[in-house]
Each structure stands twice: as structure tokens, then as C-alpha cells.
């Protein structure tokens, strides 16, 4: 009886091992899955364009084919897209920098003065819940139109508001993730809250801050584009898309949207790469 049980156990173990190895052999590399997803997306895009599922006046389609968009990119030239993208990136960069610095400063204040936590958290939630499209005209009324070719203050503010919430909440979480034993050592050595913050908590929070910045980068670009719609600027992805929409230049509209999406994706990828090499000790930790 015992020998029969042992044989069954061995057979079950072999089946599990065979099944596990089969499952491992069926796993595809990440780049293959990415290519399959991209091919599926392009095929669906092409079908929607060719079948004219979303027609517009005059017999055209609101969705151009991928080839039409690529042709428009080459026809307009790099200079046209860079002239508009550079303004948007400047606005997003200003909002990204100021918004994240304010968020990190707010999180540090919460650690130094815990009674401020409710106020800081509520402020972050308010900035997250504010409808950017609705407050854009209000900011424009206060800031006014920028000089020709200059970044819009409205776009700067909306970009900053877009990043504030995620950075302040994630930074507070990172500051609180510090090892209590290390904090106790600082306390025993006579250090106060400021020493704990600078010697332990800020170092611990670096992976969390970088993760927040990685998420905030595309949000800043989106906020800048939204701000350009009401920011009184003559250059930028926002005004260029409005112009393409008014002239029914569908291919250019899609090309501008793809340029903006590519810029957001590139910003995310750069910060993800920085995070990977700057904090190798915390892979998956944040």
C-alpha cells in the first residue's frame, strides 16, 4: 500500500513538473507580446479607417489610415512639429518641475509637522478633483495671454496641477516607509525630526519619488496641451490641433495627437530608465 502511494506521489510530481515546464515554454518574450499588440492595434485602426465607420461631411472619414498619417508627418516636415512640440514641452517642463517641487516640499512639511497632514492631503485631493478644462479660462483671465511664441502661464499651471496629487501622496508614502530602527538610531543619537528626514526618510523615499515622477511626466504633457486650448498661445500642440480641426485636416490632427502621445511615452520611458539605474536596490519595491 505504501509503495503504491509513493508511486502515485512520484507520478503526480512528474505531471506537475511537466506542466510547469510546458507553461514556461509557452511564455513569450515581452517584446513579442508588444509587437503582437502593436500589430493588432494597427490592424484595427486600418479597418476602422478603410470601412469609414466614423464618416465626416464630404464623404471622408474621421479616422485616417496609418499610411495617411505617416504621409502627413513627412509632408509637414520635422520643423512644423518641432516648432509646436517645443512650446508644449517647455510648458510641461515648467509645470512638471514646479508642481513636483511643491509636492515634495509639502510631503516633507507633513513629516516635520504631522498636524498639517489633513490640510496637505485635502489640498492634494482638491487639485486632483479640479476639472482642468473648467478652471483653465479662470487661470487665463488672471494670467493673461503670453507674448507671441512664448509659453502660456495657463498651460504651466495646469501642467503643475496635473502632477501635484500623485507626487505628494506617493512621497508621503515613501517618507513613511523608512525603517523604524534607523529612525530610532537617529533619535538615540540626539537627532530630531529634521535629522530623521534628511538622514533616513528622504533616502528611503527616493524610489517612491522617482515612481511618482515617472507617472507625472505624461500627465504634465496632457495638462500643458489642455492649457494651450485656452491659454492664448499661437504655437503648441493644442493650437495646432485646433487649427487642424477647424480646417478638417484629419490626417494632421491625428499626426499631432500621435506626436503628443509619443512625447508622453518618451518622457515616461526616460524616467523609468533613470529609476531603474538610480535605485537598483529597490526593484519592485515602490
Protein backbone atom coordinates (compact mmCIF):
# COMPACT_ATOMS: atom_id res chain seq x y z
CA UNK A 1 0.00 0.00 0.00
CA UNK A 2 2.78 2.39 0.90
CA UNK A 3 4.68 1.55 -2.31
CA UNK A 4 1.54 2.27 -4.36
CA UNK A 5 1.10 5.62 -2.60
CA UNK A 6 4.74 6.50 -3.24
CA UNK A 7 4.36 5.64 -6.92
CA UNK A 8 1.29 7.86 -7.18
CA UNK A 9 3.14 10.72 -5.48
CA UNK A 10 6.06 10.38 -7.89
CA UNK A 11 3.70 10.37 -10.88
CA UNK A 12 1.87 13.46 -9.60
CA UNK A 13 5.18 15.25 -9.05
CA UNK A 14 6.28 14.43 -12.60
CA UNK A 15 2.97 15.71 -14.01
CA UNK A 16 3.33 18.97 -12.10
CA UNK A 17 6.93 19.37 -13.26
CA UNK A 18 5.97 18.61 -16.87
CA UNK A 19 3.04 21.01 -16.70
CA UNK A 20 5.20 23.74 -15.18
CA UNK A 21 7.89 23.34 -17.84
CA UNK A 22 5.22 23.36 -20.56
CA UNK A 23 3.76 26.58 -19.17
CA UNK A 24 7.23 28.12 -19.05
CA UNK A 25 7.91 27.09 -22.65
CA UNK A 26 4.67 28.77 -23.76
CA UNK A 27 5.65 32.11 -22.25
CA UNK A 28 6.63 34.61 -24.94
CA UNK A 29 9.27 37.31 -24.53
CA UNK A 30 7.95 40.74 -23.65
CA UNK A 31 8.95 42.28 -26.98
CA UNK A 32 6.99 39.63 -28.89
CA UNK A 33 3.84 40.42 -26.92
CA UNK A 34 4.45 44.11 -27.60
CA UNK A 35 4.77 43.53 -31.34
CA UNK A 36 1.61 41.42 -31.39
CA UNK A 37 -0.29 44.13 -29.51
CA UNK A 38 1.02 46.85 -31.85
CA UNK A 39 0.12 44.81 -34.94
CA UNK A 40 -3.38 44.21 -33.58
CA UNK A 41 -3.83 47.91 -32.84
CA UNK A 42 -2.63 48.96 -36.31
CA UNK A 43 -4.88 46.39 -37.98
CA UNK A 44 -7.93 47.57 -36.04
CA UNK A 45 -7.03 51.19 -36.83
CA UNK A 46 -6.68 50.40 -40.55
CA UNK A 47 -10.01 48.54 -40.66
CA UNK A 48 -11.86 51.39 -38.93
CA UNK A 49 -10.36 53.86 -41.41
CA UNK A 50 -11.00 51.78 -44.55
CA UNK A 51 -14.56 50.87 -43.58
CA UNK A 52 -15.27 54.53 -42.74
CA UNK A 53 -17.05 53.65 -39.53
CA UNK A 54 -16.86 57.32 -38.48
CA UNK A 55 -17.70 59.33 -41.61
CA UNK A 56 -17.49 63.12 -41.86
CA UNK A 57 -19.12 65.64 -44.16
CA UNK A 58 -17.86 65.45 -47.73
CA UNK A 59 -17.50 61.67 -47.82
CA UNK A 60 -14.29 61.42 -45.81
CA UNK A 61 -13.53 59.58 -42.59
CA UNK A 62 -12.76 60.94 -39.14
CA UNK A 63 -10.14 58.19 -38.82
CA UNK A 64 -7.38 58.28 -41.46
CA UNK A 65 -5.34 55.21 -42.28
CA UNK A 66 -1.92 54.79 -40.64
CA UNK A 67 -0.25 55.37 -44.03
CA UNK A 68 -2.10 58.67 -44.46
CA UNK A 69 -0.90 59.83 -41.05
CA UNK A 70 2.71 58.84 -41.81
CA UNK A 71 2.50 60.60 -45.18
CA UNK A 72 1.22 63.75 -43.47
CA UNK A 73 4.09 63.60 -40.98
CA UNK A 74 6.64 63.58 -43.80
CA UNK A 75 4.74 66.17 -45.82
CA UNK A 76 4.55 68.66 -42.94
CA UNK A 77 8.17 68.07 -42.02
CA UNK A 78 10.08 67.93 -38.76
CA UNK A 79 10.25 71.72 -38.46
CA UNK A 80 6.47 72.10 -38.24
CA UNK A 81 6.03 69.52 -35.49
CA UNK A 82 9.10 70.58 -33.52
CA UNK A 83 8.01 74.23 -33.61
CA UNK A 84 4.79 73.26 -31.86
CA UNK A 85 6.10 70.41 -29.72
CA UNK A 86 8.94 72.50 -28.28
CA UNK A 87 6.48 75.04 -26.85
CA UNK A 88 4.34 72.29 -25.31
CA UNK A 89 7.39 70.56 -23.82
CA UNK A 90 8.58 73.85 -22.32
CA UNK A 91 5.20 74.42 -20.67
CA UNK A 92 5.04 70.83 -19.47
CA UNK A 93 8.60 71.04 -18.14
CA UNK A 94 7.90 74.20 -16.15
CA UNK A 95 4.70 72.78 -14.67
CA UNK A 96 6.36 69.41 -14.02
CA UNK A 97 9.27 70.99 -12.16
CA UNK A 98 7.31 73.49 -10.08
CA UNK A 99 4.43 71.11 -9.32
CA UNK A 100 6.70 68.29 -8.19
CA UNK A 101 8.92 70.55 -6.08
CA UNK A 102 5.86 71.90 -4.30
CA UNK A 103 4.57 68.36 -3.80
CA UNK A 104 7.85 67.10 -2.31
CA UNK A 105 8.09 70.20 -0.10
CA UNK A 106 4.52 69.61 1.11
CA UNK A 107 5.27 65.97 1.92
CA UNK A 108 8.38 66.99 3.88
CA UNK A 109 6.35 69.52 5.86
CA UNK A 110 3.87 66.78 6.76
CA UNK A 111 6.71 64.72 8.26
CA UNK A 112 8.10 67.69 10.18
CA UNK A 113 4.67 68.89 11.34
CA UNK A 114 2.23 65.94 11.44
CA UNK A 115 -0.70 68.22 12.29
CA UNK A 116 -0.50 69.52 8.70
CA UNK A 117 -1.27 66.12 7.19
CA UNK A 118 -5.03 66.59 6.88
CA UNK A 119 -4.61 70.02 5.32
CA UNK A 120 -1.99 68.78 2.85
CA UNK A 121 -3.99 65.69 1.92
CA UNK A 122 -7.16 67.68 1.37
CA UNK A 123 -5.24 70.18 -0.74
CA UNK A 124 -3.86 67.36 -2.88
CA UNK A 125 -7.32 65.84 -3.31
CA UNK A 126 -8.74 69.23 -4.32
CA UNK A 127 -6.08 69.67 -7.01
CA UNK A 128 -6.86 66.17 -8.26
CA UNK A 129 -10.62 66.73 -8.39
CA UNK A 130 -10.48 70.15 -10.04
CA UNK A 131 -11.76 69.94 -13.65
CA UNK A 132 -8.81 71.35 -15.59
CA UNK A 133 -10.90 72.33 -18.58
CA UNK A 134 -13.24 74.35 -16.35
CA UNK A 135 -10.57 76.23 -14.39
CA UNK A 136 -8.43 76.89 -17.47
CA UNK A 137 -10.38 80.02 -18.51
CA UNK A 138 -10.22 81.32 -14.92
CA UNK A 139 -6.44 80.97 -14.85
CA UNK A 140 -6.21 82.62 -18.28
CA UNK A 141 -8.31 85.55 -17.05
CA UNK A 142 -5.84 86.05 -14.19
CA UNK A 143 -2.57 85.35 -16.03
CA UNK A 144 -3.48 86.81 -19.41
CA UNK A 145 -2.13 85.91 -22.83
CA UNK A 146 1.64 85.37 -23.20
CA UNK A 147 3.83 87.17 -25.74
CA UNK A 148 3.83 85.68 -29.24
CA UNK A 149 5.80 82.44 -29.32
CA UNK A 150 6.19 82.28 -25.53
CA UNK A 151 4.84 79.53 -23.23
CA UNK A 152 1.43 80.03 -21.67
CA UNK A 153 1.14 80.57 -17.92
CA UNK A 154 -2.23 78.81 -18.09
CA UNK A 155 -0.56 75.72 -19.56
CA UNK A 156 2.18 75.90 -16.92
CA UNK A 157 -0.36 75.96 -14.08
CA UNK A 158 -2.49 73.14 -15.49
CA UNK A 159 0.62 71.01 -16.01
CA UNK A 160 1.63 71.64 -12.40
CA UNK A 161 -1.82 70.78 -11.09
CA UNK A 162 -1.75 67.55 -13.11
CA UNK A 163 1.32 66.26 -11.27
CA UNK A 164 0.83 67.58 -7.74
CA UNK A 165 -1.54 64.93 -6.36
CA UNK A 166 0.32 61.78 -7.37
CA UNK A 167 3.69 63.15 -6.24
CA UNK A 168 2.61 64.44 -2.84
CA UNK A 169 0.72 61.24 -1.93
CA UNK A 170 3.47 58.91 -3.17
CA UNK A 171 6.20 60.95 -1.47
CA UNK A 172 4.38 60.86 1.87
CA UNK A 173 4.09 57.10 1.50
CA UNK A 174 7.81 56.85 0.73
CA UNK A 175 8.82 59.03 3.67
CA UNK A 176 6.78 56.81 5.98
CA UNK A 177 8.36 53.64 4.59
CA UNK A 178 11.65 54.36 6.37
CA UNK A 179 13.00 51.65 8.66
CA UNK A 180 11.93 52.46 12.21
CA UNK A 181 15.18 51.03 13.58
CA UNK A 182 17.19 53.58 11.59
CA UNK A 183 14.95 56.37 12.85
CA UNK A 184 15.45 55.14 16.42
CA UNK A 185 19.23 55.27 15.95
CA UNK A 186 18.99 58.92 14.88
CA UNK A 187 16.75 59.63 17.89
CA UNK A 188 19.12 57.95 20.35
CA UNK A 189 22.00 59.95 18.87
CA UNK A 190 20.12 63.14 19.72
CA UNK A 191 18.70 63.90 16.29
CA UNK A 192 15.26 65.43 15.87
CA UNK A 193 12.68 65.24 13.11
CA UNK A 194 14.86 67.22 10.72
CA UNK A 195 17.77 64.78 11.09
CA UNK A 196 15.41 61.82 10.67
CA UNK A 197 14.06 63.39 7.50
CA UNK A 198 17.42 64.20 5.89
CA UNK A 199 19.41 61.16 7.05
CA UNK A 200 16.84 58.37 6.68
CA UNK A 201 13.43 59.23 5.30
CA UNK A 202 14.47 61.19 2.21
CA UNK A 203 16.84 58.42 1.16
CA UNK A 204 14.13 55.80 1.67
CA UNK A 205 11.64 57.84 -0.33
CA UNK A 206 13.83 58.19 -3.45
CA UNK A 207 12.33 55.15 -5.25
CA UNK A 208 8.83 56.37 -4.42
CA UNK A 209 9.58 59.89 -5.66
CA UNK A 210 11.05 58.58 -8.91
CA UNK A 211 8.00 56.38 -9.42
CA UNK A 212 5.76 59.40 -8.90
CA UNK A 213 7.81 61.45 -11.37
CA UNK A 214 7.53 58.64 -13.90
CA UNK A 215 3.74 58.76 -13.67
CA UNK A 216 3.63 62.55 -13.54
CA UNK A 217 5.62 63.18 -16.72
CA UNK A 218 2.88 62.16 -19.21
CA UNK A 219 0.29 63.92 -17.03
CA UNK A 220 2.26 67.17 -17.28
CA UNK A 221 2.24 66.99 -21.08
CA UNK A 222 -1.51 66.37 -21.10
CA UNK A 223 -2.07 69.28 -18.72
CA UNK A 224 0.04 71.57 -20.91
CA UNK A 225 -1.95 70.64 -24.02
CA UNK A 226 -5.22 71.30 -22.21
CA UNK A 227 -3.89 74.65 -21.03
CA UNK A 228 -2.98 75.62 -24.58
CA UNK A 229 -6.60 75.36 -25.67
CA UNK A 230 -7.47 78.37 -23.51
CA UNK A 231 -4.01 79.83 -22.91
CA UNK A 232 -3.96 82.28 -25.80
CA UNK A 233 -0.85 80.79 -27.43
CA UNK A 234 -0.20 80.74 -31.17
CA UNK A 235 2.19 77.79 -31.05
CA UNK A 236 1.97 74.41 -29.38
CA UNK A 237 0.30 71.07 -29.98
CA UNK A 238 -3.01 72.41 -28.64
CA UNK A 239 -3.39 75.36 -31.06
CA UNK A 240 -2.06 73.24 -33.94
CA UNK A 241 -4.73 70.59 -33.28
CA UNK A 242 -7.44 73.26 -33.05
CA UNK A 243 -6.31 74.66 -36.41
CA UNK A 244 -6.29 71.19 -38.00
CA UNK A 245 -9.75 70.51 -36.60
CA UNK A 246 -11.16 73.78 -37.96
CA UNK A 247 -9.77 73.10 -41.45
CA UNK A 248 -10.90 69.43 -41.34
CA UNK A 249 -7.30 68.30 -41.85
CA UNK A 250 -7.93 64.95 -40.21
CA UNK A 251 -4.56 63.39 -41.05
CA UNK A 252 -2.66 66.31 -39.50
CA UNK A 253 -4.89 66.21 -36.42
CA UNK A 254 -4.06 62.56 -35.89
CA UNK A 255 -0.38 63.17 -36.60
CA UNK A 256 -0.25 65.90 -33.95
CA UNK A 257 -2.03 63.63 -31.47
CA UNK A 258 0.47 60.85 -32.14
CA UNK A 259 3.39 63.26 -31.68
CA UNK A 260 1.97 64.27 -28.31
CA UNK A 261 1.44 60.64 -27.31
CA UNK A 262 4.98 59.77 -28.41
CA UNK A 263 6.39 62.64 -26.34
CA UNK A 264 4.45 61.47 -23.28
CA UNK A 265 5.63 57.89 -23.81
CA UNK A 266 9.24 59.03 -24.25
CA UNK A 267 9.08 61.06 -21.03
CA UNK A 268 7.75 58.02 -19.16
CA UNK A 269 10.43 55.75 -20.67
CA UNK A 270 13.29 58.13 -19.79
CA UNK A 271 12.18 58.42 -16.17
CA UNK A 272 11.62 54.66 -15.98
CA UNK A 273 15.21 54.14 -17.16
CA UNK A 274 16.51 56.67 -14.63
CA UNK A 275 14.52 54.93 -11.89
CA UNK A 276 15.94 51.55 -12.84
CA UNK A 277 19.57 52.66 -12.69
CA UNK A 278 19.28 55.21 -9.88
CA UNK A 279 17.63 52.82 -7.41
CA UNK A 280 18.82 49.29 -8.29
CA UNK A 281 18.28 48.17 -4.68
CA UNK A 282 14.52 48.68 -4.81
CA UNK A 283 13.36 46.88 -7.94
CA UNK A 284 9.66 46.30 -7.48
CA UNK A 285 9.76 47.94 -4.09
CA UNK A 286 7.92 51.12 -4.98
